[in-house]
């Protein structure tokens, strides 16, 4: 168990500025549950965080900057979820892939409004476009590297160029999770999606599908 805040070896306690920034982010995520970013005013974000408009601009340059910060935190969590497979060790591929996909879908379910807003914003906002380009590159390169590792170990057979295959699989995941995040919650349908994606990944990388 990690040490509690304030003890030796722990991270520093959040500063007042950290807490204010987090309050703005929390307010934005709450408002995005029912409205688009374009319909949310800076004054609403400031009011929800209990601060003035000028204090808001001390922490964020714009609403888009708030969305960028929100998205960055969630994408880090998504990358950590993917690490179930990227650093699977001796765990069977099916188990690690299924766990990674299930955790990723859970994050899309939890933060769907933010991620959908970020996807929409990449068509018009250069900051978000660059952000998503970086995200795609990071996931694709990590996936390609793992495919190469699996092939070198003899666990996966030879196949298409690893980077091209990785790009297709990463894009497939994003679109599938994006669509599912819009749908009514259903544990059965979510399991079905994870099962289907697991089979596609296993067939594409390992040539199997239990």
C-alpha atoms as a PDB file:
ATOM      1  CA  UNK A   1       0.000   0.000   0.000  1.00  0.00           C
ATOM      2  CA  UNK A   2       1.290   3.476  -0.864  1.00  0.00           C
ATOM      3  CA  UNK A   3       2.254   5.781   2.004  1.00  0.00           C
ATOM      4  CA  UNK A   4      -0.274   8.402   2.919  1.00  0.00           C
ATOM      5  CA  UNK A   5       0.234  11.949   1.724  1.00  0.00           C
ATOM      6  CA  UNK A   6       2.626  13.845   3.939  1.00  0.00           C
ATOM      7  CA  UNK A   7       4.657  10.799   5.004  1.00  0.00           C
ATOM      8  CA  UNK A   8       8.200  10.030   3.923  1.00  0.00           C
ATOM      9  CA  UNK A   9       8.324   8.793   0.325  1.00  0.00           C
ATOM     10  CA  UNK A  10       4.867  10.076  -0.613  1.00  0.00           C
ATOM     11  CA  UNK A  11       4.041  12.692  -3.189  1.00  0.00           C
ATOM     12  CA  UNK A  12       3.600  16.270  -2.022  1.00  0.00           C
ATOM     13  CA  UNK A  13       0.206  17.427  -0.880  1.00  0.00           C
ATOM     14  CA  UNK A  14      -1.825  19.173  -3.597  1.00  0.00           C
ATOM     15  CA  UNK A  15      -1.310  22.921  -3.527  1.00  0.00           C
ATOM     16  CA  UNK A  16      -4.143  25.425  -3.584  1.00  0.00           C
ATOM     17  CA  UNK A  17      -3.437  25.912  -7.287  1.00  0.00           C
ATOM     18  CA  UNK A  18      -3.654  22.154  -7.890  1.00  0.00           C
ATOM     19  CA  UNK A  19      -7.004  22.000  -6.112  1.00  0.00           C
ATOM     20  CA  UNK A  20      -8.338  24.947  -8.107  1.00  0.00           C
ATOM     21  CA  UNK A  21      -7.272  23.401 -11.411  1.00  0.00           C
ATOM     22  CA  UNK A  22      -8.886  20.116 -10.407  1.00  0.00           C
ATOM     23  CA  UNK A  23     -12.106  21.911  -9.464  1.00  0.00           C
ATOM     24  CA  UNK A  24     -12.214  23.452 -12.940  1.00  0.00           C
ATOM     25  CA  UNK A  25     -11.595  20.057 -14.550  1.00  0.00           C
ATOM     26  CA  UNK A  26     -14.285  18.409 -12.412  1.00  0.00           C
ATOM     27  CA  UNK A  27     -16.761  21.144 -13.324  1.00  0.00           C
ATOM     28  CA  UNK A  28     -15.988  20.748 -17.026  1.00  0.00           C
ATOM     29  CA  UNK A  29     -16.448  16.985 -16.939  1.00  0.00           C
ATOM     30  CA  UNK A  30     -19.760  17.376 -15.109  1.00  0.00           C
ATOM     31  CA  UNK A  31     -21.077  19.925 -17.609  1.00  0.00           C
ATOM     32  CA  UNK A  32     -19.948  17.840 -20.571  1.00  0.00           C
ATOM     33  CA  UNK A  33     -22.303  15.093 -19.410  1.00  0.00           C
ATOM     34  CA  UNK A  34     -25.206  17.012 -20.913  1.00  0.00           C
ATOM     35  CA  UNK A  35     -23.756  19.764 -23.118  1.00  0.00           C
ATOM     36  CA  UNK A  36     -21.138  20.330 -25.787  1.00  0.00           C
ATOM     37  CA  UNK A  37     -17.995  22.314 -25.104  1.00  0.00           C
ATOM     38  CA  UNK A  38     -19.253  25.123 -27.361  1.00  0.00           C
ATOM     39  CA  UNK A  39     -22.295  25.535 -25.109  1.00  0.00           C
ATOM     40  CA  UNK A  40     -20.272  25.854 -21.906  1.00  0.00           C
ATOM     41  CA  UNK A  41     -19.149  29.362 -20.980  1.00  0.00           C
ATOM     42  CA  UNK A  42     -15.934  30.176 -19.154  1.00  0.00           C
ATOM     43  CA  UNK A  43     -18.042  31.938 -16.508  1.00  0.00           C
ATOM     44  CA  UNK A  44     -19.818  28.628 -15.816  1.00  0.00           C
ATOM     45  CA  UNK A  45     -16.540  26.798 -15.388  1.00  0.00           C
ATOM     46  CA  UNK A  46     -15.299  29.504 -13.036  1.00  0.00           C
ATOM     47  CA  UNK A  47     -18.533  29.596 -11.058  1.00  0.00           C
ATOM     48  CA  UNK A  48     -18.641  25.807 -10.727  1.00  0.00           C
ATOM     49  CA  UNK A  49     -15.105  25.816  -9.378  1.00  0.00           C
ATOM     50  CA  UNK A  50     -15.893  28.651  -6.970  1.00  0.00           C
ATOM     51  CA  UNK A  51     -13.441  31.077  -8.533  1.00  0.00           C
ATOM     52  CA  UNK A  52     -13.475  34.296 -10.557  1.00  0.00           C
ATOM     53  CA  UNK A  53     -13.158  34.519 -14.325  1.00  0.00           C
ATOM     54  CA  UNK A  54      -9.677  36.055 -13.976  1.00  0.00           C
ATOM     55  CA  UNK A  55      -8.573  33.177 -11.738  1.00  0.00           C
ATOM     56  CA  UNK A  56      -9.808  30.715 -14.357  1.00  0.00           C
ATOM     57  CA  UNK A  57      -7.530  32.326 -16.934  1.00  0.00           C
ATOM     58  CA  UNK A  58      -4.636  32.090 -14.513  1.00  0.00           C
ATOM     59  CA  UNK A  59      -4.985  28.298 -14.701  1.00  0.00           C
ATOM     60  CA  UNK A  60      -6.222  27.707 -18.261  1.00  0.00           C
ATOM     61  CA  UNK A  61      -5.959  29.773 -21.417  1.00  0.00           C
ATOM     62  CA  UNK A  62      -9.335  28.622 -22.769  1.00  0.00           C
ATOM     63  CA  UNK A  63     -12.123  26.062 -22.570  1.00  0.00           C
ATOM     64  CA  UNK A  64     -10.211  24.035 -25.138  1.00  0.00           C
ATOM     65  CA  UNK A  65      -7.194  23.972 -22.836  1.00  0.00           C
ATOM     66  CA  UNK A  66      -9.419  22.515 -20.109  1.00  0.00           C
ATOM     67  CA  UNK A  67     -10.603  19.804 -22.497  1.00  0.00           C
ATOM     68  CA  UNK A  68      -7.011  19.091 -23.465  1.00  0.00           C
ATOM     69  CA  UNK A  69      -6.026  18.644 -19.826  1.00  0.00           C
ATOM     70  CA  UNK A  70      -9.014  16.422 -19.110  1.00  0.00           C
ATOM     71  CA  UNK A  71      -8.311  14.277 -22.155  1.00  0.00           C
ATOM     72  CA  UNK A  72      -4.644  13.938 -21.300  1.00  0.00           C
ATOM     73  CA  UNK A  73      -5.389  12.472 -17.884  1.00  0.00           C
ATOM     74  CA  UNK A  74      -7.890   9.989 -19.279  1.00  0.00           C
ATOM     75  CA  UNK A  75      -5.596   8.931 -22.124  1.00  0.00           C
ATOM     76  CA  UNK A  76      -2.856   8.200 -19.587  1.00  0.00           C
ATOM     77  CA  UNK A  77      -5.309   5.904 -17.825  1.00  0.00           C
ATOM     78  CA  UNK A  78      -6.136   4.251 -21.162  1.00  0.00           C
ATOM     79  CA  UNK A  79      -2.456   3.666 -21.834  1.00  0.00           C
ATOM     80  CA  UNK A  80      -2.073   2.136 -18.391  1.00  0.00           C
ATOM     81  CA  UNK A  81      -5.011  -0.165 -19.174  1.00  0.00           C
ATOM     82  CA  UNK A  82      -3.327  -1.215 -22.424  1.00  0.00           C
ATOM     83  CA  UNK A  83      -0.186  -2.105 -20.504  1.00  0.00           C
ATOM     84  CA  UNK A  84      -1.941  -5.306 -19.377  1.00  0.00           C
ATOM     85  CA  UNK A  85      -0.946  -6.631 -22.786  1.00  0.00           C
ATOM     86  CA  UNK A  86       2.017  -4.385 -23.541  1.00  0.00           C
ATOM     87  CA  UNK A  87       3.765  -5.734 -20.443  1.00  0.00           C
ATOM     88  CA  UNK A  88       2.023  -9.079 -20.148  1.00  0.00           C
ATOM     89  CA  UNK A  89       5.055 -11.134 -19.095  1.00  0.00           C
ATOM     90  CA  UNK A  90       4.012 -14.758 -18.727  1.00  0.00           C
ATOM     91  CA  UNK A  91       0.269 -14.078 -18.701  1.00  0.00           C
ATOM     92  CA  UNK A  92      -1.558 -15.830 -21.586  1.00  0.00           C
ATOM     93  CA  UNK A  93      -2.256 -13.439 -24.477  1.00  0.00           C
ATOM     94  CA  UNK A  94      -6.020 -14.015 -24.355  1.00  0.00           C
ATOM     95  CA  UNK A  95      -6.195 -13.067 -20.676  1.00  0.00           C
ATOM     96  CA  UNK A  96      -4.039  -9.965 -20.984  1.00  0.00           C
ATOM     97  CA  UNK A  97      -5.795  -8.702 -24.131  1.00  0.00           C
ATOM     98  CA  UNK A  98      -9.254  -9.289 -22.691  1.00  0.00           C
ATOM     99  CA  UNK A  99      -8.307  -7.506 -19.471  1.00  0.00           C
ATOM    100  CA  UNK A 100      -6.805  -4.552 -21.355  1.00  0.00           C
ATOM    101  CA  UNK A 101      -9.863  -4.193 -23.583  1.00  0.00           C
ATOM    102  CA  UNK A 102     -12.264  -4.492 -20.660  1.00  0.00           C
ATOM    103  CA  UNK A 103     -10.438  -1.822 -18.688  1.00  0.00           C
ATOM    104  CA  UNK A 104     -10.327   0.467 -21.733  1.00  0.00           C
ATOM    105  CA  UNK A 105     -14.047   0.106 -22.361  1.00  0.00           C
ATOM    106  CA  UNK A 106     -14.745   0.864 -18.703  1.00  0.00           C
ATOM    107  CA  UNK A 107     -12.803   4.125 -19.052  1.00  0.00           C
ATOM    108  CA  UNK A 108     -14.717   5.057 -22.207  1.00  0.00           C
ATOM    109  CA  UNK A 109     -17.923   4.353 -20.316  1.00  0.00           C
ATOM    110  CA  UNK A 110     -16.862   6.470 -17.358  1.00  0.00           C
ATOM    111  CA  UNK A 111     -15.400   9.390 -19.325  1.00  0.00           C
ATOM    112  CA  UNK A 112     -17.315   9.079 -22.593  1.00  0.00           C
ATOM    113  CA  UNK A 113     -18.550  12.701 -22.752  1.00  0.00           C
ATOM    114  CA  UNK A 114     -15.016  14.051 -22.377  1.00  0.00           C
ATOM    115  CA  UNK A 115     -13.509  11.658 -24.909  1.00  0.00           C
ATOM    116  CA  UNK A 116     -16.301  12.274 -27.413  1.00  0.00           C
ATOM    117  CA  UNK A 117     -15.815  16.030 -27.031  1.00  0.00           C
ATOM    118  CA  UNK A 118     -12.092  15.569 -27.624  1.00  0.00           C
ATOM    119  CA  UNK A 119     -12.732  13.499 -30.754  1.00  0.00           C
ATOM    120  CA  UNK A 120     -15.058  16.186 -32.114  1.00  0.00           C
ATOM    121  CA  UNK A 121     -12.584  18.934 -31.275  1.00  0.00           C
ATOM    122  CA  UNK A 122      -9.753  17.386 -33.256  1.00  0.00           C
ATOM    123  CA  UNK A 123     -11.547  18.317 -36.488  1.00  0.00           C
ATOM    124  CA  UNK A 124     -11.441  22.042 -35.677  1.00  0.00           C
ATOM    125  CA  UNK A 125      -8.863  22.665 -32.950  1.00  0.00           C
ATOM    126  CA  UNK A 126      -5.160  22.348 -33.929  1.00  0.00           C
ATOM    127  CA  UNK A 127      -4.217  21.693 -30.294  1.00  0.00           C
ATOM    128  CA  UNK A 128      -6.556  18.698 -30.090  1.00  0.00           C
ATOM    129  CA  UNK A 129      -5.562  17.516 -33.565  1.00  0.00           C
ATOM    130  CA  UNK A 130      -1.908  17.452 -32.526  1.00  0.00           C
ATOM    131  CA  UNK A 131      -2.891  15.800 -29.257  1.00  0.00           C
ATOM    132  CA  UNK A 132      -4.738  12.942 -30.992  1.00  0.00           C
ATOM    133  CA  UNK A 133      -1.937  12.512 -33.517  1.00  0.00           C
ATOM    134  CA  UNK A 134       0.449  12.039 -30.614  1.00  0.00           C
ATOM    135  CA  UNK A 135      -1.922   9.619 -28.882  1.00  0.00           C
ATOM    136  CA  UNK A 136      -2.324   7.499 -32.028  1.00  0.00           C
ATOM    137  CA  UNK A 137       1.439   7.444 -32.564  1.00  0.00           C
ATOM    138  CA  UNK A 138       2.103   6.403 -28.979  1.00  0.00           C
ATOM    139  CA  UNK A 139      -0.431   3.575 -28.981  1.00  0.00           C
ATOM    140  CA  UNK A 140       0.557   2.394 -32.461  1.00  0.00           C
ATOM    141  CA  UNK A 141       4.281   2.336 -31.748  1.00  0.00           C
ATOM    142  CA  UNK A 142       3.810   0.518 -28.440  1.00  0.00           C
ATOM    143  CA  UNK A 143       1.496  -2.039 -30.061  1.00  0.00           C
ATOM    144  CA  UNK A 144       3.855  -2.580 -32.985  1.00  0.00           C
ATOM    145  CA  UNK A 145       6.746  -3.081 -30.589  1.00  0.00           C
ATOM    146  CA  UNK A 146       4.810  -5.733 -28.668  1.00  0.00           C
ATOM    147  CA  UNK A 147       3.837  -7.493 -31.908  1.00  0.00           C
ATOM    148  CA  UNK A 148       7.525  -7.618 -32.876  1.00  0.00           C
ATOM    149  CA  UNK A 149       8.383  -9.019 -29.443  1.00  0.00           C
ATOM    150  CA  UNK A 150       5.708 -11.724 -29.750  1.00  0.00           C
ATOM    151  CA  UNK A 151       6.912 -12.675 -33.234  1.00  0.00           C
ATOM    152  CA  UNK A 152      10.570 -12.772 -32.202  1.00  0.00           C
ATOM    153  CA  UNK A 153       9.648 -15.055 -29.296  1.00  0.00           C
ATOM    154  CA  UNK A 154       7.750 -17.388 -31.626  1.00  0.00           C
ATOM    155  CA  UNK A 155       4.483 -16.722 -29.781  1.00  0.00           C
ATOM    156  CA  UNK A 156       2.980 -14.966 -32.789  1.00  0.00           C
ATOM    157  CA  UNK A 157       3.451 -16.039 -36.420  1.00  0.00           C
ATOM    158  CA  UNK A 158       4.819 -13.768 -39.146  1.00  0.00           C
ATOM    159  CA  UNK A 159       2.237 -11.464 -40.653  1.00  0.00           C
ATOM    160  CA  UNK A 160       1.631  -7.976 -42.007  1.00  0.00           C
ATOM    161  CA  UNK A 161       3.991  -5.147 -41.186  1.00  0.00           C
ATOM    162  CA  UNK A 162       3.742  -4.733 -37.426  1.00  0.00           C
ATOM    163  CA  UNK A 163       3.231  -0.968 -37.507  1.00  0.00           C
ATOM    164  CA  UNK A 164       0.519  -1.170 -40.184  1.00  0.00           C
ATOM    165  CA  UNK A 165      -1.271  -3.912 -38.266  1.00  0.00           C
ATOM    166  CA  UNK A 166      -0.974  -1.961 -35.023  1.00  0.00           C
ATOM    167  CA  UNK A 167      -2.447   1.169 -36.633  1.00  0.00           C
ATOM    168  CA  UNK A 168      -5.480  -0.789 -37.839  1.00  0.00           C
ATOM    169  CA  UNK A 169      -6.049  -2.431 -34.451  1.00  0.00           C
ATOM    170  CA  UNK A 170      -5.668   0.815 -32.507  1.00  0.00           C
ATOM    171  CA  UNK A 171      -8.049   2.628 -34.866  1.00  0.00           C
ATOM    172  CA  UNK A 172     -10.551  -0.221 -34.585  1.00  0.00           C
ATOM    173  CA  UNK A 173     -10.502  -0.021 -30.794  1.00  0.00           C
ATOM    174  CA  UNK A 174     -11.067   3.729 -30.774  1.00  0.00           C
ATOM    175  CA  UNK A 175     -14.040   3.548 -33.134  1.00  0.00           C
ATOM    176  CA  UNK A 176     -15.597   0.581 -31.340  1.00  0.00           C
ATOM    177  CA  UNK A 177     -15.268   2.195 -27.906  1.00  0.00           C
ATOM    178  CA  UNK A 178     -16.451   5.558 -29.212  1.00  0.00           C
ATOM    179  CA  UNK A 179     -19.614   3.970 -30.618  1.00  0.00           C
ATOM    180  CA  UNK A 180     -20.210   1.882 -27.521  1.00  0.00           C
ATOM    181  CA  UNK A 181     -19.825   4.890 -25.215  1.00  0.00           C
ATOM    182  CA  UNK A 182     -22.818   6.490 -26.951  1.00  0.00           C
ATOM    183  CA  UNK A 183     -25.045   3.446 -26.450  1.00  0.00           C
ATOM    184  CA  UNK A 184     -27.260   2.620 -23.503  1.00  0.00           C
ATOM    185  CA  UNK A 185     -25.395   0.809 -20.761  1.00  0.00           C
ATOM    186  CA  UNK A 186     -25.620  -2.972 -21.058  1.00  0.00           C
ATOM    187  CA  UNK A 187     -23.209  -5.299 -19.296  1.00  0.00           C
ATOM    188  CA  UNK A 188     -24.084  -8.086 -21.745  1.00  0.00           C
ATOM    189  CA  UNK A 189     -23.429  -5.927 -24.832  1.00  0.00           C
ATOM    190  CA  UNK A 190     -20.204  -4.624 -23.328  1.00  0.00           C
ATOM    191  CA  UNK A 191     -18.991  -8.189 -22.701  1.00  0.00           C
ATOM    192  CA  UNK A 192     -19.943  -9.107 -26.249  1.00  0.00           C
ATOM    193  CA  UNK A 193     -17.888  -6.224 -27.625  1.00  0.00           C
ATOM    194  CA  UNK A 194     -14.871  -7.146 -25.512  1.00  0.00           C
ATOM    195  CA  UNK A 195     -15.200 -10.792 -26.607  1.00  0.00           C
ATOM    196  CA  UNK A 196     -15.360  -9.766 -30.268  1.00  0.00           C
ATOM    197  CA  UNK A 197     -12.416  -7.387 -30.065  1.00  0.00           C
ATOM    198  CA  UNK A 198     -10.394  -9.980 -28.158  1.00  0.00           C
ATOM    199  CA  UNK A 199     -10.999 -12.503 -30.945  1.00  0.00           C
ATOM    200  CA  UNK A 200      -9.994  -9.976 -33.626  1.00  0.00           C
ATOM    201  CA  UNK A 201      -6.781  -9.124 -31.777  1.00  0.00           C
ATOM    202  CA  UNK A 202      -5.940 -12.784 -31.176  1.00  0.00           C
ATOM    203  CA  UNK A 203      -6.542 -13.726 -34.816  1.00  0.00           C
ATOM    204  CA  UNK A 204      -4.644 -10.713 -36.128  1.00  0.00           C
ATOM    205  CA  UNK A 205      -1.601 -11.068 -33.891  1.00  0.00           C
ATOM    206  CA  UNK A 206      -1.476 -14.738 -32.898  1.00  0.00           C
ATOM    207  CA  UNK A 207      -3.571 -16.466 -35.575  1.00  0.00           C
ATOM    208  CA  UNK A 208      -5.930 -17.953 -32.980  1.00  0.00           C
ATOM    209  CA  UNK A 209      -9.355 -17.284 -31.492  1.00  0.00           C
ATOM    210  CA  UNK A 210     -10.466 -19.635 -28.698  1.00  0.00           C
END
